[in-house]
Amino acid sequence: MDNSLSDITIRAAKPEDCHEIVRLIKELAVFEKLEDQVKMTAEVLQKDCFGDRPLCYCIVAEQQDSPELVGYALYFSIYSTFEGASLHLEDLYVNPAYRGRGIGTQLWKRVTKHGLDLGCNRLQLTVLGWNTKAKDLYTHYGFKDLTESEGWHLMRMSRATMEDFVKG
């Protein structure tokens, strides 16, 4: 396999990519040992990324002359009352057979550039505690671990809990 990026195209996702993106989401979930949590479908992703009110953005990496995508980055706008417009990078994933070629870096740079173009003041992400390789990489490029430095913890409420909360 070519170790350069000459046969890889990084581009904005299109609606017809959704089945492939979901395949990659499931690959990532297996890596993260969270495959039982994936409920995403191509139809939901298509509505959320390309519907009347898009909720997220997606950039993909494709190998030339192949219908399969080899990586993706999915992200969305958030807002900080301290700093204004921001982005949250939900997923950055490259199929293991294509790692070490700079594909992930190119996806990440495209997300970062889009954030800058939108006037964002922050880019944030979450990473599993056991994924020290990713944590070290993100720290190397300037991310701060807010759990360590500021004591922030990510909190989550499921849909069922949200519904119960609203009812109660």
N, C-alpha and C. Protein backbone atom coordinates (compact mmCIF):
# COMPACT_ATOMS: atom_id res chain seq x y z
N MET A 1 0.84 -1.18 0.00
CA MET A 1 0.00 0.00 0.00
C MET A 1 0.88 1.24 0.00
N ASP A 2 0.46 2.23 -0.78
CA ASP A 2 1.14 3.51 -0.85
C ASP A 2 1.07 4.19 0.51
N ASN A 3 2.20 4.65 1.04
CA ASN A 3 2.20 5.30 2.35
C ASN A 3 2.04 6.81 2.27
N SER A 4 1.81 7.35 1.08
CA SER A 4 1.58 8.79 0.95
C SER A 4 0.08 9.06 0.93
N LEU A 5 -0.24 10.31 0.76
CA LEU A 5 -1.64 10.70 0.66
C LEU A 5 -2.07 10.87 -0.80
N SER A 6 -1.20 10.51 -1.75
CA SER A 6 -1.49 10.78 -3.16
C SER A 6 -2.73 10.07 -3.67
N ASP A 7 -3.12 8.95 -3.05
CA ASP A 7 -4.31 8.23 -3.50
C ASP A 7 -5.51 8.46 -2.59
N ILE A 8 -5.41 9.44 -1.70
CA ILE A 8 -6.48 9.74 -0.73
C ILE A 8 -7.03 11.13 -1.01
N THR A 9 -8.35 11.23 -1.02
CA THR A 9 -9.02 12.52 -1.16
C THR A 9 -9.76 12.83 0.14
N ILE A 10 -9.53 14.02 0.66
CA ILE A 10 -10.25 14.50 1.84
C ILE A 10 -11.29 15.49 1.31
N ARG A 11 -12.57 15.26 1.65
CA ARG A 11 -13.63 16.10 1.11
C ARG A 11 -14.82 16.15 2.07
N ALA A 12 -15.69 17.10 1.83
CA ALA A 12 -16.94 17.18 2.59
C ALA A 12 -17.78 15.95 2.25
N ALA A 13 -18.42 15.41 3.26
CA ALA A 13 -19.30 14.26 3.04
C ALA A 13 -20.51 14.68 2.21
N LYS A 14 -21.08 13.70 1.52
CA LYS A 14 -22.29 13.90 0.73
C LYS A 14 -23.36 12.95 1.28
N PRO A 15 -24.62 13.24 1.02
CA PRO A 15 -25.69 12.36 1.53
C PRO A 15 -25.49 10.89 1.15
N GLU A 16 -24.99 10.63 -0.03
CA GLU A 16 -24.80 9.24 -0.46
C GLU A 16 -23.66 8.53 0.28
N ASP A 17 -22.91 9.25 1.10
CA ASP A 17 -21.83 8.65 1.91
C ASP A 17 -22.32 8.06 3.22
N CYS A 18 -23.55 8.30 3.59
CA CYS A 18 -24.02 7.99 4.94
C CYS A 18 -23.89 6.51 5.30
N HIS A 19 -24.15 5.60 4.38
CA HIS A 19 -24.01 4.17 4.70
C HIS A 19 -22.55 3.85 5.05
N GLU A 20 -21.62 4.40 4.28
CA GLU A 20 -20.20 4.18 4.54
C GLU A 20 -19.77 4.83 5.85
N ILE A 21 -20.27 6.01 6.14
CA ILE A 21 -19.91 6.69 7.39
C ILE A 21 -20.40 5.87 8.58
N VAL A 22 -21.61 5.34 8.49
CA VAL A 22 -22.13 4.51 9.59
C VAL A 22 -21.28 3.25 9.74
N ARG A 23 -20.81 2.69 8.64
CA ARG A 23 -19.91 1.53 8.73
C ARG A 23 -18.66 1.91 9.52
N LEU A 24 -18.10 3.08 9.25
CA LEU A 24 -16.91 3.54 9.97
C LEU A 24 -17.24 3.86 11.43
N ILE A 25 -18.42 4.41 11.69
CA ILE A 25 -18.83 4.67 13.08
C ILE A 25 -18.84 3.36 13.86
N LYS A 26 -19.34 2.31 13.23
CA LYS A 26 -19.38 1.00 13.89
C LYS A 26 -17.98 0.44 14.09
N GLU A 27 -17.06 0.67 13.15
CA GLU A 27 -15.67 0.25 13.33
C GLU A 27 -15.06 0.97 14.53
N LEU A 28 -15.29 2.27 14.62
CA LEU A 28 -14.78 3.05 15.75
C LEU A 28 -15.34 2.52 17.06
N ALA A 29 -16.62 2.23 17.08
CA ALA A 29 -17.26 1.72 18.30
C ALA A 29 -16.63 0.41 18.75
N VAL A 30 -16.28 -0.46 17.81
CA VAL A 30 -15.61 -1.72 18.16
C VAL A 30 -14.26 -1.40 18.80
N PHE A 31 -13.50 -0.48 18.20
CA PHE A 31 -12.20 -0.08 18.76
C PHE A 31 -12.37 0.46 20.17
N GLU A 32 -13.43 1.25 20.39
CA GLU A 32 -13.65 1.87 21.69
C GLU A 32 -14.31 0.92 22.69
N LYS A 33 -14.62 -0.30 22.24
CA LYS A 33 -15.29 -1.30 23.08
C LYS A 33 -16.68 -0.81 23.49
N LEU A 34 -17.36 -0.12 22.57
CA LEU A 34 -18.67 0.46 22.83
C LEU A 34 -19.68 0.09 21.74
N GLU A 35 -19.40 -1.00 21.02
CA GLU A 35 -20.25 -1.34 19.88
C GLU A 35 -21.72 -1.57 20.25
N ASP A 36 -21.97 -1.96 21.49
CA ASP A 36 -23.36 -2.18 21.92
C ASP A 36 -24.13 -0.87 22.06
N GLN A 37 -23.45 0.28 22.02
CA GLN A 37 -24.11 1.56 22.19
C GLN A 37 -24.52 2.22 20.87
N VAL A 38 -24.05 1.70 19.74
CA VAL A 38 -24.32 2.34 18.45
C VAL A 38 -25.76 2.07 18.01
N LYS A 39 -26.50 3.15 17.85
CA LYS A 39 -27.87 3.06 17.36
C LYS A 39 -28.04 3.84 16.05
N MET A 40 -26.97 4.43 15.58
CA MET A 40 -27.00 5.27 14.39
C MET A 40 -27.35 4.46 13.15
N THR A 41 -28.16 5.07 12.29
CA THR A 41 -28.48 4.50 10.98
C THR A 41 -28.12 5.52 9.91
N ALA A 42 -27.99 5.05 8.70
CA ALA A 42 -27.69 5.96 7.59
C ALA A 42 -28.80 6.98 7.40
N GLU A 43 -30.03 6.57 7.63
CA GLU A 43 -31.17 7.48 7.47
C GLU A 43 -31.13 8.61 8.50
N VAL A 44 -30.85 8.27 9.75
CA VAL A 44 -30.76 9.30 10.79
C VAL A 44 -29.58 10.23 10.51
N LEU A 45 -28.45 9.67 10.14
CA LEU A 45 -27.27 10.49 9.85
C LEU A 45 -27.55 11.42 8.67
N GLN A 46 -28.22 10.91 7.64
CA GLN A 46 -28.53 11.74 6.48
C GLN A 46 -29.43 12.91 6.86
N LYS A 47 -30.43 12.64 7.69
CA LYS A 47 -31.32 13.71 8.16
C LYS A 47 -30.54 14.72 9.01
N ASP A 48 -29.70 14.22 9.90
CA ASP A 48 -28.99 15.11 10.83
C ASP A 48 -27.88 15.92 10.17
N CYS A 49 -27.25 15.35 9.15
CA CYS A 49 -26.15 16.07 8.47
C CYS A 49 -26.61 16.86 7.25
N PHE A 50 -27.66 16.38 6.59
CA PHE A 50 -28.01 16.96 5.29
C PHE A 50 -29.48 17.37 5.18
N GLY A 51 -30.22 17.30 6.27
CA GLY A 51 -31.64 17.64 6.26
C GLY A 51 -31.86 19.15 6.22
N ASP A 52 -33.10 19.55 6.47
CA ASP A 52 -33.47 20.96 6.43
C ASP A 52 -32.73 21.80 7.47
N ARG A 53 -32.44 21.17 8.60
CA ARG A 53 -31.72 21.87 9.68
C ARG A 53 -30.53 21.00 10.09
N PRO A 54 -29.44 21.07 9.35
CA PRO A 54 -28.28 20.21 9.67
C PRO A 54 -27.78 20.46 11.09
N LEU A 55 -27.52 19.36 11.80
CA LEU A 55 -27.04 19.43 13.18
C LEU A 55 -25.54 19.19 13.29
N CYS A 56 -24.95 18.67 12.22
CA CYS A 56 -23.53 18.35 12.28
C CYS A 56 -22.91 18.44 10.90
N TYR A 57 -21.59 18.40 10.89
CA TYR A 57 -20.80 18.41 9.67
C TYR A 57 -19.99 17.12 9.63
N CYS A 58 -19.62 16.70 8.43
CA CYS A 58 -18.80 15.51 8.30
C CYS A 58 -17.83 15.68 7.13
N ILE A 59 -16.60 15.30 7.37
CA ILE A 59 -15.56 15.28 6.34
C ILE A 59 -15.10 13.83 6.22
N VAL A 60 -14.84 13.38 5.00
CA VAL A 60 -14.47 11.99 4.78
C VAL A 60 -13.14 11.88 4.04
N ALA A 61 -12.54 10.72 4.19
CA ALA A 61 -11.32 10.37 3.45
C ALA A 61 -11.68 9.18 2.58
N GLU A 62 -11.40 9.29 1.30
CA GLU A 62 -11.68 8.17 0.40
C GLU A 62 -10.43 7.84 -0.41
N GLN A 63 -10.28 6.56 -0.66
CA GLN A 63 -9.19 6.13 -1.52
C GLN A 63 -9.68 6.21 -2.95
N GLN A 64 -8.85 6.77 -3.81
CA GLN A 64 -9.25 6.87 -5.21
C GLN A 64 -9.54 5.49 -5.78
N ASP A 65 -10.50 5.43 -6.67
CA ASP A 65 -10.88 4.19 -7.35
C ASP A 65 -11.45 3.15 -6.40
N SER A 66 -12.02 3.57 -5.28
CA SER A 66 -12.64 2.64 -4.34
C SER A 66 -13.93 3.27 -3.80
N PRO A 67 -14.98 2.48 -3.71
CA PRO A 67 -16.23 3.03 -3.18
C PRO A 67 -16.24 3.14 -1.65
N GLU A 68 -15.26 2.52 -0.99
CA GLU A 68 -15.23 2.53 0.47
C GLU A 68 -14.48 3.74 1.00
N LEU A 69 -15.08 4.36 2.03
CA LEU A 69 -14.39 5.43 2.73
C LEU A 69 -13.40 4.82 3.71
N VAL A 70 -12.29 5.51 3.98
CA VAL A 70 -11.26 4.99 4.88
C VAL A 70 -11.17 5.78 6.18
N GLY A 71 -11.89 6.89 6.27
CA GLY A 71 -11.87 7.68 7.49
C GLY A 71 -12.91 8.78 7.45
N TYR A 72 -13.15 9.36 8.61
CA TYR A 72 -14.11 10.46 8.68
C TYR A 72 -13.87 11.28 9.94
N ALA A 73 -14.38 12.50 9.91
CA ALA A 73 -14.43 13.37 11.08
C ALA A 73 -15.83 13.94 11.12
N LEU A 74 -16.49 13.81 12.25
CA LEU A 74 -17.84 14.33 12.43
C LEU A 74 -17.80 15.33 13.57
N TYR A 75 -18.38 16.51 13.35
CA TYR A 75 -18.29 17.58 14.34
C TYR A 75 -19.51 18.48 14.25
N PHE A 76 -19.68 19.31 15.27
CA PHE A 76 -20.84 20.19 15.30
C PHE A 76 -20.52 21.48 16.05
N SER A 77 -21.35 22.48 15.81
CA SER A 77 -21.20 23.78 16.46
C SER A 77 -21.72 23.71 17.88
N ILE A 78 -21.02 24.38 18.77
CA ILE A 78 -21.47 24.56 20.14
C ILE A 78 -21.22 26.02 20.51
N TYR A 79 -21.65 26.40 21.67
CA TYR A 79 -21.48 27.79 22.07
C TYR A 79 -20.95 27.85 23.50
N SER A 80 -19.96 28.67 23.70
CA SER A 80 -19.39 28.89 25.02
C SER A 80 -19.79 30.29 25.49
N THR A 81 -20.41 30.36 26.65
CA THR A 81 -20.74 31.68 27.19
C THR A 81 -19.49 32.44 27.60
N PHE A 82 -18.37 31.75 27.71
CA PHE A 82 -17.11 32.42 28.04
C PHE A 82 -16.41 32.95 26.79
N GLU A 83 -16.48 32.19 25.67
CA GLU A 83 -15.70 32.54 24.49
C GLU A 83 -16.46 32.60 23.18
N GLY A 84 -17.75 32.28 23.17
CA GLY A 84 -18.53 32.37 21.94
C GLY A 84 -18.50 31.09 21.12
N ALA A 85 -18.55 31.24 19.81
CA ALA A 85 -18.66 30.12 18.88
C ALA A 85 -17.51 29.13 19.07
N SER A 86 -17.87 27.85 19.04
CA SER A 86 -16.91 26.76 19.23
C SER A 86 -17.35 25.56 18.40
N LEU A 87 -16.44 24.60 18.25
CA LEU A 87 -16.77 23.33 17.61
C LEU A 87 -16.47 22.20 18.57
N HIS A 88 -17.25 21.13 18.45
CA HIS A 88 -16.98 19.89 19.17
C HIS A 88 -16.70 18.81 18.14
N LEU A 89 -15.53 18.22 18.20
CA LEU A 89 -15.15 17.12 17.32
C LEU A 89 -15.63 15.83 17.97
N GLU A 90 -16.71 15.28 17.46
CA GLU A 90 -17.32 14.08 18.03
C GLU A 90 -16.50 12.84 17.72
N ASP A 91 -16.14 12.68 16.45
CA ASP A 91 -15.38 11.51 16.01
C ASP A 91 -14.29 11.91 15.04
N LEU A 92 -13.14 11.30 15.19
CA LEU A 92 -12.05 11.36 14.23
C LEU A 92 -11.55 9.93 14.11
N TYR A 93 -11.75 9.32 12.95
CA TYR A 93 -11.44 7.90 12.81
C TYR A 93 -10.85 7.62 11.44
N VAL A 94 -9.82 6.77 11.45
CA VAL A 94 -9.22 6.25 10.23
C VAL A 94 -9.11 4.74 10.39
N ASN A 95 -9.54 4.02 9.36
CA ASN A 95 -9.45 2.56 9.37
C ASN A 95 -7.99 2.17 9.65
N PRO A 96 -7.76 1.18 10.53
CA PRO A 96 -6.39 0.81 10.91
C PRO A 96 -5.45 0.52 9.74
N ALA A 97 -5.96 -0.01 8.65
CA ALA A 97 -5.11 -0.32 7.49
C ALA A 97 -4.55 0.94 6.83
N TYR A 98 -5.14 2.09 7.13
CA TYR A 98 -4.72 3.35 6.49
C TYR A 98 -4.06 4.32 7.46
N ARG A 99 -3.82 3.89 8.68
CA ARG A 99 -3.20 4.78 9.67
C ARG A 99 -1.72 4.96 9.38
N GLY A 100 -1.17 6.04 9.93
CA GLY A 100 0.26 6.31 9.77
C GLY A 100 0.59 7.02 8.48
N ARG A 101 -0.41 7.46 7.75
CA ARG A 101 -0.19 8.16 6.47
C ARG A 101 -0.56 9.63 6.55
N GLY A 102 -1.01 10.08 7.71
CA GLY A 102 -1.39 11.49 7.86
C GLY A 102 -2.84 11.78 7.52
N ILE A 103 -3.65 10.75 7.30
CA ILE A 103 -5.05 10.95 6.95
C ILE A 103 -5.80 11.58 8.11
N GLY A 104 -5.60 11.08 9.31
CA GLY A 104 -6.26 11.65 10.49
C GLY A 104 -5.87 13.10 10.69
N THR A 105 -4.61 13.41 10.49
CA THR A 105 -4.14 14.80 10.63
C THR A 105 -4.82 15.70 9.61
N GLN A 106 -4.96 15.21 8.38
CA GLN A 106 -5.62 16.02 7.34
C GLN A 106 -7.10 16.24 7.65
N LEU A 107 -7.78 15.20 8.15
CA LEU A 107 -9.17 15.36 8.55
C LEU A 107 -9.28 16.40 9.68
N TRP A 108 -8.43 16.25 10.67
CA TRP A 108 -8.40 17.15 11.81
C TRP A 108 -8.13 18.59 11.37
N LYS A 109 -7.18 18.78 10.47
CA LYS A 109 -6.87 20.13 9.97
C LYS A 109 -8.05 20.74 9.23
N ARG A 110 -8.77 19.94 8.46
CA ARG A 110 -9.96 20.45 7.75
C ARG A 110 -11.03 20.88 8.74
N VAL A 111 -11.25 20.10 9.79
CA VAL A 111 -12.22 20.48 10.82
C VAL A 111 -11.77 21.79 11.48
N THR A 112 -10.51 21.86 11.84
CA THR A 112 -9.97 23.05 12.51
C THR A 112 -10.09 24.28 11.61
N LYS A 113 -9.76 24.13 10.35
CA LYS A 113 -9.88 25.24 9.38
C LYS A 113 -11.34 25.68 9.25
N HIS A 114 -12.26 24.73 9.19
CA HIS A 114 -13.68 25.08 9.12
C HIS A 114 -14.09 25.88 10.35
N GLY A 115 -13.63 25.44 11.52
CA GLY A 115 -13.91 26.18 12.75
C GLY A 115 -13.39 27.60 12.70
N LEU A 116 -12.17 27.77 12.24
CA LEU A 116 -11.60 29.11 12.12
C LEU A 116 -12.41 29.96 11.14
N ASP A 117 -12.81 29.35 10.00
CA ASP A 117 -13.62 30.07 9.01
C ASP A 117 -14.97 30.50 9.59
N LEU A 118 -15.51 29.70 10.51
CA LEU A 118 -16.79 30.03 11.15
C LEU A 118 -16.62 31.05 12.28
N GLY A 119 -15.38 31.39 12.61
CA GLY A 119 -15.13 32.33 13.69
C GLY A 119 -15.07 31.68 15.06
N CYS A 120 -14.86 30.38 15.10
CA CYS A 120 -14.82 29.67 16.38
C CYS A 120 -13.58 30.02 17.17
N ASN A 121 -13.75 30.04 18.49
CA ASN A 121 -12.65 30.33 19.40
C ASN A 121 -12.13 29.09 20.11
N ARG A 122 -12.83 27.96 19.94
CA ARG A 122 -12.43 26.72 20.60
C ARG A 122 -12.73 25.53 19.69
N LEU A 123 -11.93 24.52 19.86
CA LEU A 123 -12.22 23.19 19.32
C LEU A 123 -12.07 22.24 20.51
N GLN A 124 -13.10 21.46 20.77
CA GLN A 124 -13.02 20.54 21.89
C GLN A 124 -13.39 19.14 21.42
N LEU A 125 -13.00 18.17 22.22
CA LEU A 125 -13.34 16.78 21.97
C LEU A 125 -13.28 16.03 23.28
N THR A 126 -13.78 14.80 23.26
CA THR A 126 -13.63 13.92 24.41
C THR A 126 -12.84 12.71 23.94
N VAL A 127 -12.12 12.12 24.86
CA VAL A 127 -11.33 10.93 24.55
C VAL A 127 -11.43 9.99 25.75
N LEU A 128 -11.53 8.71 25.45
CA LEU A 128 -11.61 7.72 26.52
C LEU A 128 -10.32 7.71 27.34
N GLY A 129 -10.46 7.58 28.65
CA GLY A 129 -9.30 7.62 29.54
C GLY A 129 -8.24 6.59 29.23
N TRP A 130 -8.63 5.41 28.75
CA TRP A 130 -7.65 4.36 28.47
C TRP A 130 -6.91 4.58 27.15
N ASN A 131 -7.38 5.52 26.32
CA ASN A 131 -6.76 5.74 25.01
C ASN A 131 -5.61 6.74 25.13
N THR A 132 -4.56 6.29 25.81
CA THR A 132 -3.42 7.17 26.10
C THR A 132 -2.71 7.64 24.83
N LYS A 133 -2.69 6.83 23.80
CA LYS A 133 -2.05 7.23 22.55
C LYS A 133 -2.74 8.47 21.98
N ALA A 134 -4.08 8.45 21.95
CA ALA A 134 -4.83 9.61 21.45
C ALA A 134 -4.67 10.80 22.39
N LYS A 135 -4.77 10.55 23.70
CA LYS A 135 -4.61 11.66 24.66
C LYS A 135 -3.26 12.32 24.50
N ASP A 136 -2.21 11.52 24.36
CA ASP A 136 -0.87 12.08 24.19
C ASP A 136 -0.76 12.89 22.90
N LEU A 137 -1.37 12.40 21.83
CA LEU A 137 -1.34 13.11 20.55
C LEU A 137 -2.06 14.45 20.68
N TYR A 138 -3.25 14.44 21.26
CA TYR A 138 -4.01 15.68 21.39
C TYR A 138 -3.27 16.68 22.28
N THR A 139 -2.69 16.20 23.36
CA THR A 139 -1.92 17.08 24.25
C THR A 139 -0.71 17.65 23.52
N HIS A 140 -0.04 16.81 22.74
CA HIS A 140 1.13 17.26 21.97
C HIS A 140 0.77 18.44 21.06
N TYR A 141 -0.43 18.43 20.49
CA TYR A 141 -0.84 19.49 19.57
C TYR A 141 -1.60 20.62 20.25
N GLY A 142 -1.61 20.65 21.58
CA GLY A 142 -2.12 21.82 22.28
C GLY A 142 -3.45 21.68 22.99
N PHE A 143 -4.10 20.54 22.91
CA PHE A 143 -5.32 20.36 23.68
C PHE A 143 -4.96 20.30 25.16
N LYS A 144 -5.85 20.84 26.01
CA LYS A 144 -5.69 20.74 27.46
C LYS A 144 -6.70 19.73 27.98
N ASP A 145 -6.29 18.88 28.89
CA ASP A 145 -7.19 17.94 29.53
C ASP A 145 -7.90 18.69 30.65
N LEU A 146 -9.15 19.09 30.41
CA LEU A 146 -9.88 19.90 31.37
C LEU A 146 -10.24 19.13 32.63
N THR A 147 -10.33 17.80 32.54
CA THR A 147 -10.60 17.02 33.74
C THR A 147 -9.43 17.18 34.71
N GLU A 148 -8.22 17.16 34.18
CA GLU A 148 -7.04 17.32 35.03
C GLU A 148 -6.80 18.78 35.41
N SER A 149 -6.88 19.69 34.44
CA SER A 149 -6.48 21.07 34.70
C SER A 149 -7.55 21.91 35.39
N GLU A 150 -8.85 21.65 35.09
CA GLU A 150 -9.90 22.49 35.64
C GLU A 150 -10.95 21.71 36.42
N GLY A 151 -10.86 20.38 36.39
CA GLY A 151 -11.82 19.57 37.13
C GLY A 151 -13.16 19.39 36.45
N TRP A 152 -13.28 19.76 35.17
CA TRP A 152 -14.53 19.58 34.44
C TRP A 152 -14.75 18.11 34.15
N HIS A 153 -15.98 17.66 34.28
CA HIS A 153 -16.35 16.28 33.94
C HIS A 153 -17.49 16.33 32.94
N LEU A 154 -17.42 15.51 31.93
CA LEU A 154 -18.50 15.41 30.95
C LEU A 154 -19.68 14.70 31.59
N MET A 155 -20.84 15.29 31.52
CA MET A 155 -22.06 14.71 32.08
C MET A 155 -23.01 14.44 30.93
N ARG A 156 -23.78 13.36 31.03
CA ARG A 156 -24.68 12.98 29.95
C ARG A 156 -26.02 12.54 30.50
N MET A 157 -27.09 12.93 29.80
CA MET A 157 -28.45 12.50 30.13
C MET A 157 -29.01 11.79 28.91
N SER A 158 -29.48 10.56 29.08
CA SER A 158 -30.04 9.80 27.96
C SER A 158 -31.41 10.36 27.58
N ARG A 159 -31.91 9.96 26.42
CA ARG A 159 -33.23 10.41 25.98
C ARG A 159 -34.31 10.00 26.99
N ALA A 160 -34.26 8.75 27.45
CA ALA A 160 -35.27 8.28 28.41
C ALA A 160 -35.23 9.12 29.68
N THR A 161 -34.04 9.45 30.16
CA THR A 161 -33.91 10.28 31.35
C THR A 161 -34.40 11.70 31.07
N MET A 162 -34.12 12.20 29.88
CA MET A 162 -34.62 13.53 29.48
C MET A 162 -36.14 13.56 29.51
N GLU A 163 -36.76 12.51 28.95
CA GLU A 163 -38.22 12.45 28.93
C GLU A 163 -38.79 12.39 30.35
N ASP A 164 -38.17 11.58 31.21
CA ASP A 164 -38.61 11.49 32.61
C ASP A 164 -38.47 12.85 33.30
N PHE A 165 -37.35 13.53 33.04
CA PHE A 165 -37.10 14.83 33.66
C PHE A 165 -38.17 15.84 33.27
N VAL A 166 -38.49 15.88 31.97
CA VAL A 166 -39.47 16.84 31.47
C VAL A 166 -40.85 16.55 32.05
N LYS A 167 -41.20 15.28 32.19
CA LYS A 167 -42.50 14.88 32.73
C LYS A 167 -42.62 15.22 34.22
N GLY A 168 -41.51 15.04 34.94
CA GLY A 168 -41.55 15.16 36.40
C GLY A 168 -41.54 16.54 36.85
